[in-house]
Amino acid sequence: DDDADRVETALGLLRERYSDGRSGIVLEQVAGGYAFRASREA
């Protein structure tokens, strides 16, 4: 229940938080949307 532009900004924060090498979970843009997946090392 929020604005799409603000959601994009929030996704940017999550992308930093869940980037390869920083977490066992990675945020990726896939299949027309966003999803979490296990990092390559996990």
PDB file of all heavy atoms in Angstrom:
ATOM      1  N   ASP A   1       0.840  -1.200   0.000  1.00  0.00           N
ATOM      2  CA  ASP A   1       0.000   0.000   0.000  1.00  0.00           C
ATOM      3  C   ASP A   1       0.881   1.258   0.000  1.00  0.00           C
ATOM      4  O   ASP A   1       0.742   2.145   0.841  1.00  0.00           O
ATOM      5  CB  ASP A   1      -0.940  -0.009   1.212  1.00  0.00           C
ATOM      6  CG  ASP A   1      -2.051   1.042   1.077  1.00  0.00           C
ATOM      7  OD1 ASP A   1      -2.352   1.445  -0.073  1.00  0.00           O
ATOM      8  OD2 ASP A   1      -2.584   1.482   2.111  1.00  0.00           O
ATOM      9  N   ASP A   2       1.815   1.272  -0.961  1.00  0.00           N
ATOM     10  CA  ASP A   2       2.766   2.377  -1.044  1.00  0.00           C
ATOM     11  C   ASP A   2       3.034   2.702  -2.508  1.00  0.00           C
ATOM     12  O   ASP A   2       2.559   2.023  -3.409  1.00  0.00           O
ATOM     13  CB  ASP A   2       4.067   2.006  -0.313  1.00  0.00           C
ATOM     14  CG  ASP A   2       4.740   3.226   0.313  1.00  0.00           C
ATOM     15  OD1 ASP A   2       4.896   4.237  -0.389  1.00  0.00           O
ATOM     16  OD2 ASP A   2       5.115   3.146   1.496  1.00  0.00           O
ATOM     17  N   ASP A   3       3.821   3.724  -2.723  1.00  0.00           N
ATOM     18  CA  ASP A   3       4.139   4.230  -4.049  1.00  0.00           C
ATOM     19  C   ASP A   3       5.215   3.369  -4.730  1.00  0.00           C
ATOM     20  O   ASP A   3       6.173   2.941  -4.074  1.00  0.00           O
ATOM     21  CB  ASP A   3       4.642   5.678  -3.885  1.00  0.00           C
ATOM     22  CG  ASP A   3       4.978   6.310  -5.207  1.00  0.00           C
ATOM     23  OD1 ASP A   3       4.048   6.544  -5.988  1.00  0.00           O
ATOM     24  OD2 ASP A   3       6.175   6.540  -5.455  1.00  0.00           O
ATOM     25  N   ALA A   4       5.072   3.129  -6.045  1.00  0.00           N
ATOM     26  CA  ALA A   4       6.017   2.291  -6.795  1.00  0.00           C
ATOM     27  C   ALA A   4       7.440   2.855  -6.751  1.00  0.00           C
ATOM     28  O   ALA A   4       8.410   2.094  -6.644  1.00  0.00           O
ATOM     29  CB  ALA A   4       5.555   2.131  -8.239  1.00  0.00           C
ATOM     30  N   ASP A   5       7.589   4.188  -6.818  1.00  0.00           N
ATOM     31  CA  ASP A   5       8.925   4.794  -6.773  1.00  0.00           C
ATOM     32  C   ASP A   5       9.606   4.521  -5.434  1.00  0.00           C
ATOM     33  O   ASP A   5      10.806   4.246  -5.368  1.00  0.00           O
ATOM     34  CB  ASP A   5       8.853   6.310  -7.010  1.00  0.00           C
ATOM     35  CG  ASP A   5       8.519   6.637  -8.461  1.00  0.00           C
ATOM     36  OD1 ASP A   5       8.756   5.768  -9.321  1.00  0.00           O
ATOM     37  OD2 ASP A   5       8.023   7.741  -8.727  1.00  0.00           O
ATOM     38  N   ARG A   6       8.816   4.609  -4.357  1.00  0.00           N
ATOM     39  CA  ARG A   6       9.383   4.332  -3.026  1.00  0.00           C
ATOM     40  C   ARG A   6       9.745   2.843  -2.888  1.00  0.00           C
ATOM     41  O   ARG A   6      10.738   2.495  -2.253  1.00  0.00           O
ATOM     42  CB  ARG A   6       8.406   4.763  -1.938  1.00  0.00           C
ATOM     43  CG  ARG A   6       8.427   6.277  -1.704  1.00  0.00           C
ATOM     44  CD  ARG A   6       7.289   6.765  -0.791  1.00  0.00           C
ATOM     45  NE  ARG A   6       6.985   5.910   0.341  1.00  0.00           N
ATOM     46  CZ  ARG A   6       7.627   5.938   1.522  1.00  0.00           C
ATOM     47  NH1 ARG A   6       8.606   6.803   1.718  1.00  0.00           N
ATOM     48  NH2 ARG A   6       7.260   5.137   2.500  1.00  0.00           N
ATOM     49  N   VAL A   7       8.946   1.990  -3.519  1.00  0.00           N
ATOM     50  CA  VAL A   7       9.252   0.552  -3.493  1.00  0.00           C
ATOM     51  C   VAL A   7      10.569   0.294  -4.222  1.00  0.00           C
ATOM     52  O   VAL A   7      11.398  -0.489  -3.769  1.00  0.00           O
ATOM     53  CB  VAL A   7       8.096  -0.277  -4.109  1.00  0.00           C
ATOM     54  CG1 VAL A   7       8.529  -1.715  -4.380  1.00  0.00           C
ATOM     55  CG2 VAL A   7       6.884  -0.258  -3.185  1.00  0.00           C
ATOM     56  N   GLU A   8      10.783   0.994  -5.352  1.00  0.00           N
ATOM     57  CA  GLU A   8      12.059   0.871  -6.084  1.00  0.00           C
ATOM     58  C   GLU A   8      13.231   1.269  -5.182  1.00  0.00           C
ATOM     59  O   GLU A   8      14.270   0.613  -5.166  1.00  0.00           O
ATOM     60  CB  GLU A   8      12.053   1.776  -7.321  1.00  0.00           C
ATOM     61  CG  GLU A   8      11.117   1.320  -8.418  1.00  0.00           C
ATOM     62  CD  GLU A   8      11.787   0.393  -9.435  1.00  0.00           C
ATOM     63  OE1 GLU A   8      12.858  -0.164  -9.121  1.00  0.00           O
ATOM     64  OE2 GLU A   8      11.214   0.219 -10.513  1.00  0.00           O
ATOM     65  N   THR A   9      13.057   2.357  -4.418  1.00  0.00           N
ATOM     66  CA  THR A   9      14.107   2.806  -3.493  1.00  0.00           C
ATOM     67  C   THR A   9      14.355   1.752  -2.414  1.00  0.00           C
ATOM     68  O   THR A   9      15.497   1.433  -2.077  1.00  0.00           O
ATOM     69  CB  THR A   9      13.716   4.146  -2.831  1.00  0.00           C
ATOM     70  OG1 THR A   9      13.438   5.093  -3.865  1.00  0.00           O
ATOM     71  CG2 THR A   9      14.810   4.675  -1.934  1.00  0.00           C
ATOM     72  N   ALA A  10      13.257   1.179  -1.893  1.00  0.00           N
ATOM     73  CA  ALA A  10      13.370   0.131  -0.872  1.00  0.00           C
ATOM     74  C   ALA A  10      14.080  -1.095  -1.437  1.00  0.00           C
ATOM     75  O   ALA A  10      14.923  -1.707  -0.762  1.00  0.00           O
ATOM     76  CB  ALA A  10      11.982  -0.252  -0.360  1.00  0.00           C
ATOM     77  N   LEU A  11      13.790  -1.443  -2.691  1.00  0.00           N
ATOM     78  CA  LEU A  11      14.467  -2.572  -3.329  1.00  0.00           C
ATOM     79  C   LEU A  11      15.964  -2.310  -3.472  1.00  0.00           C
ATOM     80  O   LEU A  11      16.781  -3.222  -3.342  1.00  0.00           O
ATOM     81  CB  LEU A  11      13.847  -2.862  -4.707  1.00  0.00           C
ATOM     82  CG  LEU A  11      12.485  -3.565  -4.683  1.00  0.00           C
ATOM     83  CD1 LEU A  11      11.800  -3.459  -6.049  1.00  0.00           C
ATOM     84  CD2 LEU A  11      12.633  -5.030  -4.278  1.00  0.00           C
ATOM     85  N   GLY A  12      16.320  -1.044  -3.730  1.00  0.00           N
ATOM     86  CA  GLY A  12      17.735  -0.667  -3.806  1.00  0.00           C
ATOM     87  C   GLY A  12      18.439  -0.925  -2.482  1.00  0.00           C
ATOM     88  O   GLY A  12      19.575  -1.433  -2.454  1.00  0.00           O
ATOM     89  N   LEU A  13      17.772  -0.584  -1.371  1.00  0.00           N
ATOM     90  CA  LEU A  13      18.348  -0.853  -0.039  1.00  0.00           C
ATOM     91  C   LEU A  13      18.535  -2.353   0.171  1.00  0.00           C
ATOM     92  O   LEU A  13      19.565  -2.802   0.673  1.00  0.00           O
ATOM     93  CB  LEU A  13      17.435  -0.299   1.059  1.00  0.00           C
ATOM     94  CG  LEU A  13      17.344   1.213   1.217  1.00  0.00           C
ATOM     95  CD1 LEU A  13      16.318   1.563   2.296  1.00  0.00           C
ATOM     96  CD2 LEU A  13      18.706   1.794   1.588  1.00  0.00           C
ATOM     97  N   LEU A  14      17.515  -3.124  -0.224  1.00  0.00           N
ATOM     98  CA  LEU A  14      17.589  -4.577  -0.043  1.00  0.00           C
ATOM     99  C   LEU A  14      18.664  -5.197  -0.937  1.00  0.00           C
ATOM    100  O   LEU A  14      19.323  -6.152  -0.550  1.00  0.00           O
ATOM    101  CB  LEU A  14      16.226  -5.221  -0.340  1.00  0.00           C
ATOM    102  CG  LEU A  14      15.114  -4.910   0.657  1.00  0.00           C
ATOM    103  CD1 LEU A  14      13.791  -5.498   0.194  1.00  0.00           C
ATOM    104  CD2 LEU A  14      15.475  -5.435   2.047  1.00  0.00           C
ATOM    105  N   ARG A  15      18.832  -4.632  -2.140  1.00  0.00           N
ATOM    106  CA  ARG A  15      19.853  -5.139  -3.061  1.00  0.00           C
ATOM    107  C   ARG A  15      21.236  -5.005  -2.435  1.00  0.00           C
ATOM    108  O   ARG A  15      22.076  -5.886  -2.556  1.00  0.00           O
ATOM    109  CB  ARG A  15      19.767  -4.380  -4.389  1.00  0.00           C
ATOM    110  CG  ARG A  15      20.035  -5.274  -5.590  1.00  0.00           C
ATOM    111  CD  ARG A  15      19.928  -4.520  -6.895  1.00  0.00           C
ATOM    112  NE  ARG A  15      18.584  -4.469  -7.400  1.00  0.00           N
ATOM    113  CZ  ARG A  15      17.872  -3.361  -7.558  1.00  0.00           C
ATOM    114  NH1 ARG A  15      18.378  -2.187  -7.237  1.00  0.00           N
ATOM    115  NH2 ARG A  15      16.657  -3.396  -8.033  1.00  0.00           N
ATOM    116  N   GLU A  16      21.461  -3.872  -1.761  1.00  0.00           N
ATOM    117  CA  GLU A  16      22.748  -3.678  -1.072  1.00  0.00           C
ATOM    118  C   GLU A  16      22.900  -4.657   0.086  1.00  0.00           C
ATOM    119  O   GLU A  16      23.941  -5.258   0.278  1.00  0.00           O
ATOM    120  CB  GLU A  16      22.838  -2.247  -0.528  1.00  0.00           C
ATOM    121  CG  GLU A  16      23.141  -1.201  -1.573  1.00  0.00           C
ATOM    122  CD  GLU A  16      23.163   0.199  -0.970  1.00  0.00           C
ATOM    123  OE1 GLU A  16      23.625   0.335   0.187  1.00  0.00           O
ATOM    124  OE2 GLU A  16      22.712   1.134  -1.649  1.00  0.00           O
ATOM    125  N   ARG A  17      21.822  -4.786   0.857  1.00  0.00           N
ATOM    126  CA  ARG A  17      21.853  -5.649   2.037  1.00  0.00           C
ATOM    127  C   ARG A  17      22.052  -7.114   1.657  1.00  0.00           C
ATOM    128  O   ARG A  17      22.736  -7.862   2.344  1.00  0.00           O
ATOM    129  CB  ARG A  17      20.537  -5.480   2.802  1.00  0.00           C
ATOM    130  CG  ARG A  17      20.516  -6.090   4.179  1.00  0.00           C
ATOM    131  CD  ARG A  17      19.207  -5.811   4.887  1.00  0.00           C
ATOM    132  NE  ARG A  17      18.953  -4.383   5.016  1.00  0.00           N
ATOM    133  CZ  ARG A  17      17.753  -3.834   5.240  1.00  0.00           C
ATOM    134  NH1 ARG A  17      16.697  -4.608   5.362  1.00  0.00           N
ATOM    135  NH2 ARG A  17      17.613  -2.537   5.343  1.00  0.00           N
ATOM    136  N   TYR A  18      21.396  -7.531   0.566  1.00  0.00           N
ATOM    137  CA  TYR A  18      21.445  -8.929   0.140  1.00  0.00           C
ATOM    138  C   TYR A  18      22.226  -9.075  -1.164  1.00  0.00           C
ATOM    139  O   TYR A  18      21.723  -9.579  -2.146  1.00  0.00           O
ATOM    140  CB  TYR A  18      20.026  -9.474  -0.051  1.00  0.00           C
ATOM    141  CG  TYR A  18      19.258  -9.591   1.238  1.00  0.00           C
ATOM    142  CD1 TYR A  18      18.288  -8.659   1.578  1.00  0.00           C
ATOM    143  CD2 TYR A  18      19.509 -10.637   2.120  1.00  0.00           C
ATOM    144  CE1 TYR A  18      17.578  -8.768   2.762  1.00  0.00           C
ATOM    145  CE2 TYR A  18      18.809 -10.748   3.306  1.00  0.00           C
ATOM    146  CZ  TYR A  18      17.840  -9.805   3.623  1.00  0.00           C
ATOM    147  OH  TYR A  18      17.154  -9.926   4.791  1.00  0.00           O
ATOM    148  N   SER A  19      23.467  -8.660  -1.174  1.00  0.00           N
ATOM    149  CA  SER A  19      24.291  -8.807  -2.377  1.00  0.00           C
ATOM    150  C   SER A  19      25.222  -9.991  -2.194  1.00  0.00           C
ATOM    151  O   SER A  19      25.514 -10.406  -1.072  1.00  0.00           O
ATOM    152  CB  SER A  19      25.082  -7.530  -2.652  1.00  0.00           C
ATOM    153  OG  SER A  19      25.910  -7.232  -1.555  1.00  0.00           O
ATOM    154  N   ASP A  20      25.670 -10.572  -3.316  1.00  0.00           N
ATOM    155  CA  ASP A  20      26.586 -11.718  -3.259  1.00  0.00           C
ATOM    156  C   ASP A  20      27.819 -11.355  -2.447  1.00  0.00           C
ATOM    157  O   ASP A  20      28.396 -10.289  -2.622  1.00  0.00           O
ATOM    158  CB  ASP A  20      27.010 -12.119  -4.688  1.00  0.00           C
ATOM    159  CG  ASP A  20      26.461 -13.474  -5.078  1.00  0.00           C
ATOM    160  OD1 ASP A  20      26.194 -14.284  -4.176  1.00  0.00           O
ATOM    161  OD2 ASP A  20      26.277 -13.713  -6.287  1.00  0.00           O
ATOM    162  N   GLY A  21      28.205 -12.243  -1.547  1.00  0.00           N
ATOM    163  CA  GLY A  21      29.385 -12.004  -0.725  1.00  0.00           C
ATOM    164  C   GLY A  21      29.062 -11.370   0.610  1.00  0.00           C
ATOM    165  O   GLY A  21      29.877 -11.393   1.521  1.00  0.00           O
ATOM    166  N   ARG A  22      27.851 -10.793   0.745  1.00  0.00           N
ATOM    167  CA  ARG A  22      27.469 -10.156   2.014  1.00  0.00           C
ATOM    168  C   ARG A  22      26.458 -10.994   2.782  1.00  0.00           C
ATOM    169  O   ARG A  22      26.272 -10.802   3.974  1.00  0.00           O
ATOM    170  CB  ARG A  22      26.855  -8.776   1.751  1.00  0.00           C
ATOM    171  CG  ARG A  22      27.846  -7.769   1.205  1.00  0.00           C
ATOM    172  CD  ARG A  22      27.263  -6.383   1.204  1.00  0.00           C
ATOM    173  NE  ARG A  22      27.066  -5.924   2.570  1.00  0.00           N
ATOM    174  CZ  ARG A  22      26.472  -4.782   2.903  1.00  0.00           C
ATOM    175  NH1 ARG A  22      26.028  -3.983   1.968  1.00  0.00           N
ATOM    176  NH2 ARG A  22      26.333  -4.423   4.149  1.00  0.00           N
ATOM    177  N   SER A  23      25.753 -11.880   2.065  1.00  0.00           N
ATOM    178  CA  SER A  23      24.683 -12.637   2.698  1.00  0.00           C
ATOM    179  C   SER A  23      24.549 -13.994   2.025  1.00  0.00           C
ATOM    180  O   SER A  23      24.962 -14.175   0.878  1.00  0.00           O
ATOM    181  CB  SER A  23      23.368 -11.853   2.553  1.00  0.00           C
ATOM    182  OG  SER A  23      22.269 -12.632   2.955  1.00  0.00           O
ATOM    183  N   GLY A  24      23.953 -14.942   2.729  1.00  0.00           N
ATOM    184  CA  GLY A  24      23.669 -16.256   2.141  1.00  0.00           C
ATOM    185  C   GLY A  24      22.467 -16.213   1.232  1.00  0.00           C
ATOM    186  O   GLY A  24      22.182 -17.160   0.502  1.00  0.00           O
ATOM    187  N   ILE A  25      21.734 -15.100   1.286  1.00  0.00           N
ATOM    188  CA  ILE A  25      20.551 -14.896   0.438  1.00  0.00           C
ATOM    189  C   ILE A  25      20.840 -13.707  -0.466  1.00  0.00           C
ATOM    190  O   ILE A  25      21.415 -12.713  -0.033  1.00  0.00           O
ATOM    191  CB  ILE A  25      19.307 -14.604   1.305  1.00  0.00           C
ATOM    192  CG1 ILE A  25      19.000 -15.806   2.190  1.00  0.00           C
ATOM    193  CG2 ILE A  25      18.107 -14.267   0.444  1.00  0.00           C
ATOM    194  CD1 ILE A  25      17.975 -15.522   3.246  1.00  0.00           C
ATOM    195  N   VAL A  26      20.425 -13.816  -1.733  1.00  0.00           N
ATOM    196  CA  VAL A  26      20.666 -12.758  -2.710  1.00  0.00           C
ATOM    197  C   VAL A  26      19.329 -12.305  -3.292  1.00  0.00           C
ATOM    198  O   VAL A  26      18.468 -13.136  -3.593  1.00  0.00           O
ATOM    199  CB  VAL A  26      21.583 -13.270  -3.845  1.00  0.00           C
ATOM    200  CG1 VAL A  26      21.790 -12.217  -4.911  1.00  0.00           C
ATOM    201  CG2 VAL A  26      22.932 -13.709  -3.278  1.00  0.00           C
ATOM    202  N   LEU A  27      19.159 -10.990  -3.425  1.00  0.00           N
ATOM    203  CA  LEU A  27      17.966 -10.451  -4.088  1.00  0.00           C
ATOM    204  C   LEU A  27      18.276 -10.354  -5.569  1.00  0.00           C
ATOM    205  O   LEU A  27      19.287  -9.779  -5.966  1.00  0.00           O
ATOM    206  CB  LEU A  27      17.614  -9.062  -3.530  1.00  0.00           C
ATOM    207  CG  LEU A  27      16.424  -8.370  -4.212  1.00  0.00           C
ATOM    208  CD1 LEU A  27      15.126  -9.141  -3.977  1.00  0.00           C
ATOM    209  CD2 LEU A  27      16.277  -6.936  -3.702  1.00  0.00           C
ATOM    210  N   GLU A  28      17.404 -10.940  -6.401  1.00  0.00           N
ATOM    211  CA  GLU A  28      17.635 -10.873  -7.839  1.00  0.00           C
ATOM    212  C   GLU A  28      16.385 -10.424  -8.574  1.00  0.00           C
ATOM    213  O   GLU A  28      15.265 -10.632  -8.115  1.00  0.00           O
ATOM    214  CB  GLU A  28      18.110 -12.217  -8.383  1.00  0.00           C
ATOM    215  CG  GLU A  28      17.075 -13.325  -8.300  1.00  0.00           C
ATOM    216  CD  GLU A  28      17.553 -14.641  -8.893  1.00  0.00           C
ATOM    217  OE1 GLU A  28      18.627 -14.655  -9.522  1.00  0.00           O
ATOM    218  OE2 GLU A  28      16.838 -15.631  -8.743  1.00  0.00           O
ATOM    219  N   GLN A  29      16.598  -9.790  -9.722  1.00  0.00           N
ATOM    220  CA  GLN A  29      15.507  -9.409 -10.605  1.00  0.00           C
ATOM    221  C   GLN A  29      15.391 -10.522 -11.627  1.00  0.00           C
ATOM    222  O   GLN A  29      16.320 -10.795 -12.390  1.00  0.00           O
ATOM    223  CB  GLN A  29      15.823  -8.081 -11.297  1.00  0.00           C
ATOM    224  CG  GLN A  29      14.610  -7.505 -12.002  1.00  0.00           C
ATOM    225  CD  GLN A  29      14.858  -6.068 -12.446  1.00  0.00           C
ATOM    226  OE1 GLN A  29      15.921  -5.510 -12.205  1.00  0.00           O
ATOM    227  NE2 GLN A  29      13.874  -5.490 -13.096  1.00  0.00           N
ATOM    228  N   VAL A  30      14.262 -11.232 -11.620  1.00  0.00           N
ATOM    229  CA  VAL A  30      14.130 -12.429 -12.439  1.00  0.00           C
ATOM    230  C   VAL A  30      12.660 -12.660 -12.768  1.00  0.00           C
ATOM    231  O   VAL A  30      11.784 -12.302 -11.989  1.00  0.00           O
ATOM    232  CB  VAL A  30      14.737 -13.643 -11.690  1.00  0.00           C
ATOM    233  CG1 VAL A  30      13.970 -13.966 -10.427  1.00  0.00           C
ATOM    234  CG2 VAL A  30      14.833 -14.861 -12.572  1.00  0.00           C
ATOM    235  N   ALA A  31      12.409 -13.238 -13.954  1.00  0.00           N
ATOM    236  CA  ALA A  31      11.050 -13.615 -14.372  1.00  0.00           C
ATOM    237  C   ALA A  31      10.070 -12.461 -14.221  1.00  0.00           C
ATOM    238  O   ALA A  31       8.935 -12.643 -13.788  1.00  0.00           O
ATOM    239  CB  ALA A  31      10.570 -14.838 -13.584  1.00  0.00           C
ATOM    240  N   GLY A  32      10.510 -11.249 -14.559  1.00  0.00           N
ATOM    241  CA  GLY A  32       9.612 -10.093 -14.531  1.00  0.00           C
ATOM    242  C   GLY A  32       9.339  -9.528 -13.152  1.00  0.00           C
ATOM    243  O   GLY A  32       8.437  -8.716 -12.964  1.00  0.00           O
ATOM    244  N   GLY A  33      10.105  -9.941 -12.156  1.00  0.00           N
ATOM    245  CA  GLY A  33       9.881  -9.441 -10.804  1.00  0.00           C
ATOM    246  C   GLY A  33      11.136  -9.584  -9.958  1.00  0.00           C
ATOM    247  O   GLY A  33      12.242  -9.716 -10.480  1.00  0.00           O
ATOM    248  N   TYR A  34      10.951  -9.556  -8.640  1.00  0.00           N
ATOM    249  CA  TYR A  34      12.063  -9.680  -7.695  1.00  0.00           C
ATOM    250  C   TYR A  34      11.831 -10.891  -6.803  1.00  0.00           C
ATOM    251  O   TYR A  34      10.689 -11.208  -6.449  1.00  0.00           O
ATOM    252  CB  TYR A  34      12.170  -8.423  -6.823  1.00  0.00           C
ATOM    253  CG  TYR A  34      12.648  -7.227  -7.608  1.00  0.00           C
ATOM    254  CD1 TYR A  34      11.746  -6.441  -8.324  1.00  0.00           C
ATOM    255  CD2 TYR A  34      14.000  -6.886  -7.658  1.00  0.00           C
ATOM    256  CE1 TYR A  34      12.183  -5.341  -9.060  1.00  0.00           C
ATOM    257  CE2 TYR A  34      14.443  -5.806  -8.392  1.00  0.00           C
ATOM    258  CZ  TYR A  34      13.528  -5.031  -9.090  1.00  0.00           C
ATOM    259  OH  TYR A  34      13.965  -3.959  -9.822  1.00  0.00           O
ATOM    260  N   ALA A  35      12.925 -11.560  -6.448  1.00  0.00           N
ATOM    261  CA  ALA A  35      12.835 -12.741  -5.582  1.00  0.00           C
ATOM    262  C   ALA A  35      14.162 -12.946  -4.871  1.00  0.00           C
ATOM    263  O   ALA A  35      15.204 -12.474  -5.320  1.00  0.00           O
ATOM    264  CB  ALA A  35      12.486 -13.978  -6.411  1.00  0.00           C
ATOM    265  N   PHE A  36      14.100 -13.655  -3.758  1.00  0.00           N
ATOM    266  CA  PHE A  36      15.307 -14.063  -3.062  1.00  0.00           C
ATOM    267  C   PHE A  36      15.728 -15.439  -3.561  1.00  0.00           C
ATOM    268  O   PHE A  36      14.886 -16.271  -3.909  1.00  0.00           O
ATOM    269  CB  PHE A  36      15.073 -14.147  -1.547  1.00  0.00           C
ATOM    270  CG  PHE A  36      14.999 -12.809  -0.867  1.00  0.00           C
ATOM    271  CD1 PHE A  36      13.867 -12.431  -0.155  1.00  0.00           C
ATOM    272  CD2 PHE A  36      16.063 -11.925  -0.924  1.00  0.00           C
ATOM    273  CE1 PHE A  36      13.802 -11.202   0.483  1.00  0.00           C
ATOM    274  CE2 PHE A  36      16.012 -10.696  -0.291  1.00  0.00           C
ATOM    275  CZ  PHE A  36      14.874 -10.340   0.411  1.00  0.00           C
ATOM    276  N   ARG A  37      17.028 -15.687  -3.610  1.00  0.00           N
ATOM    277  CA  ARG A  37      17.562 -17.012  -3.906  1.00  0.00           C
ATOM    278  C   ARG A  37      18.780 -17.228  -3.021  1.00  0.00           C
ATOM    279  O   ARG A  37      19.334 -16.284  -2.470  1.00  0.00           O
ATOM    280  CB  ARG A  37      17.933 -17.165  -5.379  1.00  0.00           C
ATOM    281  CG  ARG A  37      19.102 -16.301  -5.803  1.00  0.00           C
ATOM    282  CD  ARG A  37      19.683 -16.746  -7.142  1.00  0.00           C
ATOM    283  NE  ARG A  37      20.664 -15.803  -7.649  1.00  0.00           N
ATOM    284  CZ  ARG A  37      21.925 -15.719  -7.247  1.00  0.00           C
ATOM    285  NH1 ARG A  37      22.373 -16.516  -6.291  1.00  0.00           N
ATOM    286  NH2 ARG A  37      22.750 -14.824  -7.762  1.00  0.00           N
ATOM    287  N   ALA A  38      19.201 -18.478  -2.917  1.00  0.00           N
ATOM    288  CA  ALA A  38      20.421 -18.774  -2.159  1.00  0.00           C
ATOM    289  C   ALA A  38      21.619 -18.225  -2.920  1.00  0.00           C
ATOM    290  O   ALA A  38      21.644 -18.231  -4.145  1.00  0.00           O
ATOM    291  CB  ALA A  38      20.562 -20.280  -1.980  1.00  0.00           C
ATOM    292  N   SER A  39      22.608 -17.735  -2.190  1.00  0.00           N
ATOM    293  CA  SER A  39      23.839 -17.272  -2.836  1.00  0.00           C
ATOM    294  C   SER A  39      24.538 -18.470  -3.464  1.00  0.00           C
ATOM    295  O   SER A  39      24.271 -19.623  -3.110  1.00  0.00           O
ATOM    296  CB  SER A  39      24.762 -16.616  -1.812  1.00  0.00           C
ATOM    297  OG  SER A  39      25.212 -17.586  -0.885  1.00  0.00           O
ATOM    298  N   ARG A  40      25.457 -18.199  -4.400  1.00  0.00           N
ATOM    299  CA  ARG A  40      26.158 -19.296  -5.079  1.00  0.00           C
ATOM    300  C   ARG A  40      26.900 -20.186  -4.080  1.00  0.00           C
ATOM    301  O   ARG A  40      26.905 -21.402  -4.205  1.00  0.00           O
ATOM    302  CB  ARG A  40      27.135 -18.723  -6.113  1.00  0.00           C
ATOM    303  CG  ARG A  40      26.420 -18.250  -7.352  1.00  0.00           C
ATOM    304  CD  ARG A  40      27.369 -17.704  -8.410  1.00  0.00           C
ATOM    305  NE  ARG A  40      26.625 -17.260  -9.569  1.00  0.00           N
ATOM    306  CZ  ARG A  40      25.982 -16.112  -9.659  1.00  0.00           C
ATOM    307  NH1 ARG A  40      25.988 -15.282  -8.645  1.00  0.00           N
ATOM    308  NH2 ARG A  40      25.319 -15.784 -10.754  1.00  0.00           N
ATOM    309  N   GLU A  41      27.518 -19.576  -3.072  1.00  0.00           N
ATOM    310  CA  GLU A  41      28.296 -20.377  -2.125  1.00  0.00           C
ATOM    311  C   GLU A  41      27.407 -21.243  -1.230  1.00  0.00           C
ATOM    312  O   GLU A  41      27.857 -22.242  -0.684  1.00  0.00           O
ATOM    313  CB  GLU A  41      29.214 -19.495  -1.268  1.00  0.00           C
ATOM    314  CG  GLU A  41      28.486 -18.496  -0.403  1.00  0.00           C
ATOM    315  CD  GLU A  41      29.417 -17.519   0.295  1.00  0.00           C
ATOM    316  OE1 GLU A  41      30.525 -17.276  -0.218  1.00  0.00           O
ATOM    317  OE2 GLU A  41      29.012 -16.997   1.343  1.00  0.00           O
ATOM    318  N   ALA A  42      26.123 -20.878  -1.113  1.00  0.00           N
ATOM    319  CA  ALA A  42      25.213 -21.663  -0.263  1.00  0.00           C
ATOM    320  C   ALA A  42      24.311 -22.597  -1.065  1.00  0.00           C
ATOM    321  O   ALA A  42      23.606 -23.422  -0.484  1.00  0.00           O
ATOM    322  CB  ALA A  42      24.348 -20.713   0.571  1.00  0.00           C
TER     323      ALA A  42
END
